[in-house]
């Protein structure tokens, strides 16, 4: 029997033949529709995808901490470090509890096509009457490991952050000091739904999402901070950190897109990382609104 569902076996499993069903977790069917245990190691692209999904809560933590801490608060840096520790600890624990348990490594089923992420949409009906349900994690463990990681992130945040904020966030009001935590209680369910529904789409689109968003946010930040020269950047350490962080995201996006299949051709692409910032600095003075309005008023 043929099937388009990668999680549906029809053949031999545990010594029996002729039965059809769902492969156990951590297995998927081969060309003969027999369940085989996935023993492959994730590819570089798989690790980059997991890194992207792991970065999302950390970046959102940092954004809301910075947003709600204000300029007068000296506790933001400690909250940033705490958020980094929370996500790092959650990632380590997630790797340890996944198969193989107790090791900082995972085994995986190789992703072959987009439909591997959505096996629930490919339940076959051989006789057009009986439906064989084959909902299964054919991309093991790329689908569930992200959800497990988000759960550990939430637990670690609720264990550490309230105590830290209560101790050191003296520059904020009683209602403001916990707003970054409240924000996390909103964006974690959103990230969970995003992974559950759009995990397969994100798997193929995340390199371009990183690249585009990093370009847009860098341009918005430099514009909002009225940065027009390199001296404006080095005038404050925070601006240097933001610029270097965006350069790392640029490099991450380039590596994810190229996958470094050919090192001699792909590595030189990293030289383009400073390009957007340099282009902005060279052209910012010509696009300043006050300059454009003054020239328009003079009839130029």
C-alpha atoms as a PDB file:
ATOM      1  CA  UNK A   1       0.000   0.000   0.000  1.00  0.00           C
ATOM      2  CA  UNK A   2       1.361   3.439  -0.871  1.00  0.00           C
ATOM      3  CA  UNK A   3       0.871   6.487   1.307  1.00  0.00           C
ATOM      4  CA  UNK A   4       1.875  10.110   1.171  1.00  0.00           C
ATOM      5  CA  UNK A   5       1.949  10.313   4.963  1.00  0.00           C
ATOM      6  CA  UNK A   6       5.515   9.957   6.324  1.00  0.00           C
ATOM      7  CA  UNK A   7       4.238   8.741   9.701  1.00  0.00           C
ATOM      8  CA  UNK A   8       2.030   5.899   8.432  1.00  0.00           C
ATOM      9  CA  UNK A   9       3.477   2.413   8.232  1.00  0.00           C
ATOM     10  CA  UNK A  10       2.022  -0.541   6.399  1.00  0.00           C
ATOM     11  CA  UNK A  11       4.140  -3.601   6.803  1.00  0.00           C
ATOM     12  CA  UNK A  12       6.354  -5.026   9.456  1.00  0.00           C
ATOM     13  CA  UNK A  13       6.601  -3.623  12.932  1.00  0.00           C
ATOM     14  CA  UNK A  14       7.502  -5.671  15.992  1.00  0.00           C
ATOM     15  CA  UNK A  15       7.378  -8.799  13.851  1.00  0.00           C
ATOM     16  CA  UNK A  16       3.834  -8.395  12.508  1.00  0.00           C
ATOM     17  CA  UNK A  17       2.730  -7.788   8.925  1.00  0.00           C
ATOM     18  CA  UNK A  18      -0.307  -6.478   7.170  1.00  0.00           C
ATOM     19  CA  UNK A  19      -1.307  -3.830   9.708  1.00  0.00           C
ATOM     20  CA  UNK A  20      -1.292  -0.111   9.138  1.00  0.00           C
ATOM     21  CA  UNK A  21      -0.812   2.491  11.810  1.00  0.00           C
ATOM     22  CA  UNK A  22       1.268   5.357  13.142  1.00  0.00           C
ATOM     23  CA  UNK A  23       4.980   4.970  13.750  1.00  0.00           C
ATOM     24  CA  UNK A  24       6.104   5.453  17.366  1.00  0.00           C
ATOM     25  CA  UNK A  25       7.661   8.783  18.310  1.00  0.00           C
ATOM     26  CA  UNK A  26      11.223   9.044  17.112  1.00  0.00           C
ATOM     27  CA  UNK A  27      10.586   6.838  14.079  1.00  0.00           C
ATOM     28  CA  UNK A  28       9.360   7.367  10.527  1.00  0.00           C
ATOM     29  CA  UNK A  29       8.696   5.164   7.533  1.00  0.00           C
ATOM     30  CA  UNK A  30      11.253   4.276   4.886  1.00  0.00           C
ATOM     31  CA  UNK A  31      10.582   3.624   1.197  1.00  0.00           C
ATOM     32  CA  UNK A  32       9.092   0.210   2.045  1.00  0.00           C
ATOM     33  CA  UNK A  33       6.642   1.828   4.524  1.00  0.00           C
ATOM     34  CA  UNK A  34       8.381   0.176   7.475  1.00  0.00           C
ATOM     35  CA  UNK A  35       9.060   2.185  10.625  1.00  0.00           C
ATOM     36  CA  UNK A  36      12.715   2.893  11.271  1.00  0.00           C
ATOM     37  CA  UNK A  37      14.230   4.626  14.283  1.00  0.00           C
ATOM     38  CA  UNK A  38      15.734   7.996  13.418  1.00  0.00           C
ATOM     39  CA  UNK A  39      19.432   7.897  14.310  1.00  0.00           C
ATOM     40  CA  UNK A  40      20.726  10.788  12.200  1.00  0.00           C
ATOM     41  CA  UNK A  41      22.255  13.926  13.658  1.00  0.00           C
ATOM     42  CA  UNK A  42      20.662  17.278  12.778  1.00  0.00           C
ATOM     43  CA  UNK A  43      22.152  19.150   9.854  1.00  0.00           C
ATOM     44  CA  UNK A  44      23.644  22.633  10.199  1.00  0.00           C
ATOM     45  CA  UNK A  45      20.405  24.130   8.857  1.00  0.00           C
ATOM     46  CA  UNK A  46      18.397  22.269  11.524  1.00  0.00           C
ATOM     47  CA  UNK A  47      20.603  23.687  14.283  1.00  0.00           C
ATOM     48  CA  UNK A  48      20.266  27.158  12.799  1.00  0.00           C
ATOM     49  CA  UNK A  49      16.480  26.777  12.826  1.00  0.00           C
ATOM     50  CA  UNK A  50      16.538  25.683  16.461  1.00  0.00           C
ATOM     51  CA  UNK A  51      18.822  28.600  17.240  1.00  0.00           C
ATOM     52  CA  UNK A  52      16.372  30.987  15.596  1.00  0.00           C
ATOM     53  CA  UNK A  53      13.433  29.636  17.578  1.00  0.00           C
ATOM     54  CA  UNK A  54      15.534  29.799  20.762  1.00  0.00           C
ATOM     55  CA  UNK A  55      16.474  33.429  20.072  1.00  0.00           C
ATOM     56  CA  UNK A  56      12.879  34.613  19.714  1.00  0.00           C
ATOM     57  CA  UNK A  57      11.956  34.602  23.430  1.00  0.00           C
ATOM     58  CA  UNK A  58      15.364  36.012  24.390  1.00  0.00           C
ATOM     59  CA  UNK A  59      15.086  38.924  21.953  1.00  0.00           C
ATOM     60  CA  UNK A  60      11.518  39.600  23.093  1.00  0.00           C
ATOM     61  CA  UNK A  61      12.644  39.500  26.738  1.00  0.00           C
ATOM     62  CA  UNK A  62      15.367  42.057  26.025  1.00  0.00           C
ATOM     63  CA  UNK A  63      13.009  44.267  24.039  1.00  0.00           C
ATOM     64  CA  UNK A  64      10.351  44.485  26.747  1.00  0.00           C
ATOM     65  CA  UNK A  65      12.931  44.840  29.515  1.00  0.00           C
ATOM     66  CA  UNK A  66      14.411  47.808  27.677  1.00  0.00           C
ATOM     67  CA  UNK A  67      10.966  49.170  26.844  1.00  0.00           C
ATOM     68  CA  UNK A  68       9.640  49.128  30.396  1.00  0.00           C
ATOM     69  CA  UNK A  69      12.826  49.764  32.386  1.00  0.00           C
ATOM     70  CA  UNK A  70      13.170  53.365  31.217  1.00  0.00           C
ATOM     71  CA  UNK A  71      16.266  55.520  31.121  1.00  0.00           C
ATOM     72  CA  UNK A  72      16.355  56.081  34.872  1.00  0.00           C
ATOM     73  CA  UNK A  73      16.420  52.428  35.815  1.00  0.00           C
ATOM     74  CA  UNK A  74      19.794  50.825  36.542  1.00  0.00           C
ATOM     75  CA  UNK A  75      18.331  47.335  36.803  1.00  0.00           C
ATOM     76  CA  UNK A  76      17.917  46.736  33.065  1.00  0.00           C
ATOM     77  CA  UNK A  77      21.388  45.229  32.618  1.00  0.00           C
ATOM     78  CA  UNK A  78      20.772  42.723  35.426  1.00  0.00           C
ATOM     79  CA  UNK A  79      17.435  41.772  33.907  1.00  0.00           C
ATOM     80  CA  UNK A  80      19.110  41.306  30.517  1.00  0.00           C
ATOM     81  CA  UNK A  81      21.672  38.980  32.074  1.00  0.00           C
ATOM     82  CA  UNK A  82      18.947  37.100  33.944  1.00  0.00           C
ATOM     83  CA  UNK A  83      16.919  36.627  30.743  1.00  0.00           C
ATOM     84  CA  UNK A  84      20.035  35.286  28.997  1.00  0.00           C
ATOM     85  CA  UNK A  85      20.643  32.883  31.885  1.00  0.00           C
ATOM     86  CA  UNK A  86      17.002  31.738  31.861  1.00  0.00           C
ATOM     87  CA  UNK A  87      17.011  30.935  28.147  1.00  0.00           C
ATOM     88  CA  UNK A  88      20.460  29.324  28.290  1.00  0.00           C
ATOM     89  CA  UNK A  89      19.465  27.108  31.215  1.00  0.00           C
ATOM     90  CA  UNK A  90      16.213  26.189  29.464  1.00  0.00           C
ATOM     91  CA  UNK A  91      18.076  25.196  26.299  1.00  0.00           C
ATOM     92  CA  UNK A  92      20.503  22.979  28.225  1.00  0.00           C
ATOM     93  CA  UNK A  93      17.700  21.275  30.150  1.00  0.00           C
ATOM     94  CA  UNK A  94      15.732  20.794  26.927  1.00  0.00           C
ATOM     95  CA  UNK A  95      18.665  19.013  25.296  1.00  0.00           C
ATOM     96  CA  UNK A  96      19.190  16.845  28.377  1.00  0.00           C
ATOM     97  CA  UNK A  97      15.578  15.634  28.571  1.00  0.00           C
ATOM     98  CA  UNK A  98      15.342  14.837  24.848  1.00  0.00           C
ATOM     99  CA  UNK A  99      16.453  11.570  23.318  1.00  0.00           C
ATOM    100  CA  UNK A 100      19.206  10.535  24.019  1.00  0.00           C
ATOM    101  CA  UNK A 101      18.367  11.510  27.600  1.00  0.00           C
ATOM    102  CA  UNK A 102      21.186  12.999  29.630  1.00  0.00           C
ATOM    103  CA  UNK A 103      23.308  14.067  26.669  1.00  0.00           C
ATOM    104  CA  UNK A 104      23.783  17.465  25.065  1.00  0.00           C
ATOM    105  CA  UNK A 105      22.941  16.022  21.672  1.00  0.00           C
ATOM    106  CA  UNK A 106      19.833  14.928  19.819  1.00  0.00           C
ATOM    107  CA  UNK A 107      18.959  12.413  17.143  1.00  0.00           C
ATOM    108  CA  UNK A 108      16.569  13.474  14.425  1.00  0.00           C
ATOM    109  CA  UNK A 109      14.509  12.447  11.446  1.00  0.00           C
ATOM    110  CA  UNK A 110      15.715  14.264   8.356  1.00  0.00           C
ATOM    111  CA  UNK A 111      13.255  16.835   6.982  1.00  0.00           C
ATOM    112  CA  UNK A 112      12.426  16.002   3.376  1.00  0.00           C
ATOM    113  CA  UNK A 113       9.506  18.254   2.461  1.00  0.00           C
ATOM    114  CA  UNK A 114       7.029  20.730   3.922  1.00  0.00           C
ATOM    115  CA  UNK A 115       4.343  18.058   4.352  1.00  0.00           C
ATOM    116  CA  UNK A 116       6.559  16.322   6.946  1.00  0.00           C
ATOM    117  CA  UNK A 117       5.558  19.074   9.379  1.00  0.00           C
ATOM    118  CA  UNK A 118       1.816  18.630   8.833  1.00  0.00           C
ATOM    119  CA  UNK A 119       1.127  14.901   8.876  1.00  0.00           C
ATOM    120  CA  UNK A 120      -2.354  15.542  10.306  1.00  0.00           C
ATOM    121  CA  UNK A 121      -3.376  16.889   6.878  1.00  0.00           C
ATOM    122  CA  UNK A 122      -2.445  13.691   5.048  1.00  0.00           C
ATOM    123  CA  UNK A 123      -4.638  11.020   6.639  1.00  0.00           C
ATOM    124  CA  UNK A 124      -5.330   8.547   3.792  1.00  0.00           C
ATOM    125  CA  UNK A 125      -8.630   6.753   3.124  1.00  0.00           C
ATOM    126  CA  UNK A 126      -7.743   3.583   1.160  1.00  0.00           C
ATOM    127  CA  UNK A 127     -11.353   2.443   0.708  1.00  0.00           C
ATOM    128  CA  UNK A 128     -12.797   5.987   0.779  1.00  0.00           C
ATOM    129  CA  UNK A 129     -14.644   5.017   3.961  1.00  0.00           C
ATOM    130  CA  UNK A 130     -12.120   4.305   6.705  1.00  0.00           C
ATOM    131  CA  UNK A 131      -9.597   7.028   7.499  1.00  0.00           C
ATOM    132  CA  UNK A 132      -6.153   5.985   8.700  1.00  0.00           C
ATOM    133  CA  UNK A 133      -4.874   8.618  11.088  1.00  0.00           C
ATOM    134  CA  UNK A 134      -1.158   9.179  10.724  1.00  0.00           C
ATOM    135  CA  UNK A 135      -0.575  12.284  12.839  1.00  0.00           C
ATOM    136  CA  UNK A 136       2.996  11.884  13.988  1.00  0.00           C
ATOM    137  CA  UNK A 137       6.181  13.916  14.419  1.00  0.00           C
ATOM    138  CA  UNK A 138       7.888  13.012  11.167  1.00  0.00           C
ATOM    139  CA  UNK A 139      10.447  15.785  11.747  1.00  0.00           C
ATOM    140  CA  UNK A 140      11.381  14.495  15.203  1.00  0.00           C
ATOM    141  CA  UNK A 141      12.340  16.333  17.353  1.00  0.00           C
ATOM    142  CA  UNK A 142      12.267  19.715  15.582  1.00  0.00           C
ATOM    143  CA  UNK A 143       8.561  20.219  16.261  1.00  0.00           C
ATOM    144  CA  UNK A 144       8.218  19.304  19.934  1.00  0.00           C
ATOM    145  CA  UNK A 145      11.667  20.325  21.162  1.00  0.00           C
ATOM    146  CA  UNK A 146      10.810  23.985  20.560  1.00  0.00           C
ATOM    147  CA  UNK A 147       7.581  23.671  22.569  1.00  0.00           C
ATOM    148  CA  UNK A 148       9.473  21.957  25.399  1.00  0.00           C
ATOM    149  CA  UNK A 149      12.064  24.735  25.343  1.00  0.00           C
ATOM    150  CA  UNK A 150       9.379  27.418  25.618  1.00  0.00           C
ATOM    151  CA  UNK A 151       7.867  25.604  28.604  1.00  0.00           C
ATOM    152  CA  UNK A 152      11.216  25.500  30.413  1.00  0.00           C
ATOM    153  CA  UNK A 153      11.828  29.176  29.552  1.00  0.00           C
ATOM    154  CA  UNK A 154       8.520  30.102  31.144  1.00  0.00           C
ATOM    155  CA  UNK A 155       9.208  28.026  34.254  1.00  0.00           C
ATOM    156  CA  UNK A 156      12.719  29.435  34.716  1.00  0.00           C
ATOM    157  CA  UNK A 157      11.440  32.985  34.248  1.00  0.00           C
ATOM    158  CA  UNK A 158       8.728  32.562  36.878  1.00  0.00           C
ATOM    159  CA  UNK A 159      11.263  31.093  39.312  1.00  0.00           C
ATOM    160  CA  UNK A 160      13.980  33.754  38.928  1.00  0.00           C
ATOM    161  CA  UNK A 161      12.743  37.016  37.452  1.00  0.00           C
ATOM    162  CA  UNK A 162      10.108  38.108  40.018  1.00  0.00           C
ATOM    163  CA  UNK A 163      12.604  37.762  42.864  1.00  0.00           C
ATOM    164  CA  UNK A 164      15.284  39.664  40.963  1.00  0.00           C
ATOM    165  CA  UNK A 165      12.956  42.459  39.879  1.00  0.00           C
ATOM    166  CA  UNK A 166      11.585  42.863  43.390  1.00  0.00           C
ATOM    167  CA  UNK A 167      15.112  43.181  44.802  1.00  0.00           C
ATOM    168  CA  UNK A 168      16.830  45.508  42.320  1.00  0.00           C
ATOM    169  CA  UNK A 169      14.162  47.345  40.308  1.00  0.00           C
ATOM    170  CA  UNK A 170      13.942  50.169  42.805  1.00  0.00           C
ATOM    171  CA  UNK A 171      13.856  52.886  40.147  1.00  0.00           C
ATOM    172  CA  UNK A 172      10.486  51.721  38.863  1.00  0.00           C
ATOM    173  CA  UNK A 173       7.033  51.924  40.322  1.00  0.00           C
ATOM    174  CA  UNK A 174       5.346  48.883  41.798  1.00  0.00           C
ATOM    175  CA  UNK A 175       3.183  48.462  38.714  1.00  0.00           C
ATOM    176  CA  UNK A 176       5.947  49.066  36.161  1.00  0.00           C
ATOM    177  CA  UNK A 177       8.626  46.762  37.520  1.00  0.00           C
ATOM    178  CA  UNK A 178       6.759  43.577  36.574  1.00  0.00           C
ATOM    179  CA  UNK A 179       5.514  44.688  33.147  1.00  0.00           C
ATOM    180  CA  UNK A 180       8.311  42.861  31.276  1.00  0.00           C
ATOM    181  CA  UNK A 181       7.216  39.650  33.022  1.00  0.00           C
ATOM    182  CA  UNK A 182       3.573  40.292  32.146  1.00  0.00           C
ATOM    183  CA  UNK A 183       4.636  40.813  28.527  1.00  0.00           C
ATOM    184  CA  UNK A 184       6.324  37.403  28.537  1.00  0.00           C
ATOM    185  CA  UNK A 185       3.079  35.821  29.728  1.00  0.00           C
ATOM    186  CA  UNK A 186       1.522  37.144  26.535  1.00  0.00           C
ATOM    187  CA  UNK A 187       4.251  36.423  23.980  1.00  0.00           C
ATOM    188  CA  UNK A 188       5.022  32.865  25.128  1.00  0.00           C
ATOM    189  CA  UNK A 189       1.519  31.599  24.185  1.00  0.00           C
ATOM    190  CA  UNK A 190       1.840  33.487  20.894  1.00  0.00           C
ATOM    191  CA  UNK A 191       5.200  31.832  20.170  1.00  0.00           C
ATOM    192  CA  UNK A 192       3.736  28.443  21.081  1.00  0.00           C
ATOM    193  CA  UNK A 193       0.829  28.847  18.651  1.00  0.00           C
ATOM    194  CA  UNK A 194       3.239  30.153  16.022  1.00  0.00           C
ATOM    195  CA  UNK A 195       5.384  27.028  16.321  1.00  0.00           C
ATOM    196  CA  UNK A 196       2.391  24.678  16.474  1.00  0.00           C
ATOM    197  CA  UNK A 197       0.713  26.138  13.386  1.00  0.00           C
ATOM    198  CA  UNK A 198       3.529  27.613  11.326  1.00  0.00           C
ATOM    199  CA  UNK A 199       6.562  25.561  12.338  1.00  0.00           C
ATOM    200  CA  UNK A 200       7.025  24.107   8.870  1.00  0.00           C
ATOM    201  CA  UNK A 201       6.705  27.476   7.172  1.00  0.00           C
ATOM    202  CA  UNK A 202       9.155  29.046   9.616  1.00  0.00           C
ATOM    203  CA  UNK A 203      11.614  26.227   8.975  1.00  0.00           C
ATOM    204  CA  UNK A 204      11.940  27.260   5.340  1.00  0.00           C
ATOM    205  CA  UNK A 205      11.454  31.021   5.784  1.00  0.00           C
ATOM    206  CA  UNK A 206      13.447  31.879   8.914  1.00  0.00           C
ATOM    207  CA  UNK A 207      16.709  32.857   7.124  1.00  0.00           C
ATOM    208  CA  UNK A 208      14.887  35.535   5.152  1.00  0.00           C
ATOM    209  CA  UNK A 209      12.881  36.628   8.201  1.00  0.00           C
ATOM    210  CA  UNK A 210      16.093  37.165  10.175  1.00  0.00           C
ATOM    211  CA  UNK A 211      17.764  39.052   7.350  1.00  0.00           C
ATOM    212  CA  UNK A 212      14.835  41.347   6.569  1.00  0.00           C
ATOM    213  CA  UNK A 213      13.884  42.101  10.177  1.00  0.00           C
ATOM    214  CA  UNK A 214      17.481  42.797  11.182  1.00  0.00           C
ATOM    215  CA  UNK A 215      17.794  45.284   8.316  1.00  0.00           C
ATOM    216  CA  UNK A 216      14.509  47.011   9.158  1.00  0.00           C
ATOM    217  CA  UNK A 217      15.135  47.226  12.907  1.00  0.00           C
ATOM    218  CA  UNK A 218      18.665  48.548  12.371  1.00  0.00           C
ATOM    219  CA  UNK A 219      17.398  51.287  10.060  1.00  0.00           C
ATOM    220  CA  UNK A 220      14.594  52.219  12.478  1.00  0.00           C
ATOM    221  CA  UNK A 221      16.969  52.313  15.450  1.00  0.00           C
ATOM    222  CA  UNK A 222      19.562  54.456  13.690  1.00  0.00           C
ATOM    223  CA  UNK A 223      16.865  56.803  12.463  1.00  0.00           C
ATOM    224  CA  UNK A 224      15.195  57.106  15.870  1.00  0.00           C
ATOM    225  CA  UNK A 225      18.568  57.696  17.540  1.00  0.00           C
ATOM    226  CA  UNK A 226      19.453  60.340  14.914  1.00  0.00           C
ATOM    227  CA  UNK A 227      22.671  58.565  13.994  1.00  0.00           C
ATOM    228  CA  UNK A 228      24.239  60.086  10.895  1.00  0.00           C
ATOM    229  CA  UNK A 229      27.969  59.585  11.426  1.00  0.00           C
ATOM    230  CA  UNK A 230      30.235  56.920  12.841  1.00  0.00           C
ATOM    231  CA  UNK A 231      31.068  59.270  15.717  1.00  0.00           C
ATOM    232  CA  UNK A 232      27.406  59.214  16.736  1.00  0.00           C
ATOM    233  CA  UNK A 233      27.641  55.432  17.096  1.00  0.00           C
ATOM    234  CA  UNK A 234      30.782  55.273  19.233  1.00  0.00           C
ATOM    235  CA  UNK A 235      29.546  58.130  21.418  1.00  0.00           C
ATOM    236  CA  UNK A 236      27.477  55.645  23.448  1.00  0.00           C
ATOM    237  CA  UNK A 237      28.315  52.044  24.324  1.00  0.00           C
ATOM    238  CA  UNK A 238      24.690  51.035  23.942  1.00  0.00           C
ATOM    239  CA  UNK A 239      24.707  52.048  20.277  1.00  0.00           C
ATOM    240  CA  UNK A 240      27.842  49.985  19.648  1.00  0.00           C
ATOM    241  CA  UNK A 241      26.222  46.955  21.283  1.00  0.00           C
ATOM    242  CA  UNK A 242      23.067  47.371  19.199  1.00  0.00           C
ATOM    243  CA  UNK A 243      25.093  47.692  15.988  1.00  0.00           C
ATOM    244  CA  UNK A 244      27.218  44.612  16.735  1.00  0.00           C
ATOM    245  CA  UNK A 245      24.085  42.634  17.652  1.00  0.00           C
ATOM    246  CA  UNK A 246      22.509  43.490  14.305  1.00  0.00           C
ATOM    247  CA  UNK A 247      25.712  42.525  12.514  1.00  0.00           C
ATOM    248  CA  UNK A 248      25.561  39.129  14.220  1.00  0.00           C
ATOM    249  CA  UNK A 249      21.972  38.745  13.031  1.00  0.00           C
ATOM    250  CA  UNK A 250      23.018  39.738   9.493  1.00  0.00           C
ATOM    251  CA  UNK A 251      25.727  37.061   9.585  1.00  0.00           C
ATOM    252  CA  UNK A 252      23.284  34.502  11.011  1.00  0.00           C
ATOM    253  CA  UNK A 253      20.846  35.187   8.183  1.00  0.00           C
ATOM    254  CA  UNK A 254      23.554  34.941   5.511  1.00  0.00           C
ATOM    255  CA  UNK A 255      24.850  31.643   6.917  1.00  0.00           C
ATOM    256  CA  UNK A 256      21.296  30.268   7.118  1.00  0.00           C
ATOM    257  CA  UNK A 257      20.533  31.223   3.525  1.00  0.00           C
ATOM    258  CA  UNK A 258      23.797  29.905   2.076  1.00  0.00           C
ATOM    259  CA  UNK A 259      23.957  26.895   4.481  1.00  0.00           C
ATOM    260  CA  UNK A 260      27.730  27.051   3.886  1.00  0.00           C
ATOM    261  CA  UNK A 261      27.467  24.303   1.285  1.00  0.00           C
ATOM    262  CA  UNK A 262      30.527  25.683  -0.478  1.00  0.00           C
ATOM    263  CA  UNK A 263      32.809  27.403   2.014  1.00  0.00           C
ATOM    264  CA  UNK A 264      35.029  29.042  -0.578  1.00  0.00           C
ATOM    265  CA  UNK A 265      31.994  30.727  -2.135  1.00  0.00           C
ATOM    266  CA  UNK A 266      29.817  31.361   0.924  1.00  0.00           C
ATOM    267  CA  UNK A 267      32.293  32.692   3.499  1.00  0.00           C
ATOM    268  CA  UNK A 268      33.154  35.840   1.464  1.00  0.00           C
ATOM    269  CA  UNK A 269      29.456  36.766   1.690  1.00  0.00           C
ATOM    270  CA  UNK A 270      30.039  37.594   5.359  1.00  0.00           C
ATOM    271  CA  UNK A 271      31.998  40.629   4.194  1.00  0.00           C
ATOM    272  CA  UNK A 272      28.619  42.141   3.278  1.00  0.00           C
ATOM    273  CA  UNK A 273      27.553  42.250   6.951  1.00  0.00           C
ATOM    274  CA  UNK A 274      28.615  45.905   7.577  1.00  0.00           C
ATOM    275  CA  UNK A 275      27.154  46.972   4.214  1.00  0.00           C
ATOM    276  CA  UNK A 276      23.669  48.119   5.343  1.00  0.00           C
ATOM    277  CA  UNK A 277      25.043  50.220   8.213  1.00  0.00           C
ATOM    278  CA  UNK A 278      27.673  51.827   5.979  1.00  0.00           C
ATOM    279  CA  UNK A 279      25.061  52.530   3.313  1.00  0.00           C
ATOM    280  CA  UNK A 280      22.825  54.191   5.912  1.00  0.00           C
ATOM    281  CA  UNK A 281      25.649  56.378   7.232  1.00  0.00           C
ATOM    282  CA  UNK A 282      26.641  57.447   3.717  1.00  0.00           C
ATOM    283  CA  UNK A 283      23.104  58.357   2.643  1.00  0.00           C
ATOM    284  CA  UNK A 284      21.464  59.558   5.874  1.00  0.00           C
ATOM    285  CA  UNK A 285      22.524  63.179   5.419  1.00  0.00           C
ATOM    286  CA  UNK A 286      20.901  63.310   1.978  1.00  0.00           C
ATOM    287  CA  UNK A 287      17.548  61.994   3.214  1.00  0.00           C
ATOM    288  CA  UNK A 288      17.151  64.131   6.338  1.00  0.00           C
ATOM    289  CA  UNK A 289      13.566  65.500   6.328  1.00  0.00           C
ATOM    290  CA  UNK A 290      14.591  69.038   7.358  1.00  0.00           C
ATOM    291  CA  UNK A 291      17.077  69.197   4.494  1.00  0.00           C
ATOM    292  CA  UNK A 292      14.491  67.994   1.965  1.00  0.00           C
ATOM    293  CA  UNK A 293      11.878  70.503   3.218  1.00  0.00           C
ATOM    294  CA  UNK A 294      14.331  73.400   3.146  1.00  0.00           C
ATOM    295  CA  UNK A 295      15.439  72.593  -0.389  1.00  0.00           C
ATOM    296  CA  UNK A 296      11.815  72.241  -1.467  1.00  0.00           C
ATOM    297  CA  UNK A 297      10.986  75.616   0.038  1.00  0.00           C
ATOM    298  CA  UNK A 298      13.868  77.214  -1.863  1.00  0.00           C
ATOM    299  CA  UNK A 299      12.569  75.783  -5.140  1.00  0.00           C
ATOM    300  CA  UNK A 300      15.446  73.338  -5.679  1.00  0.00           C
END
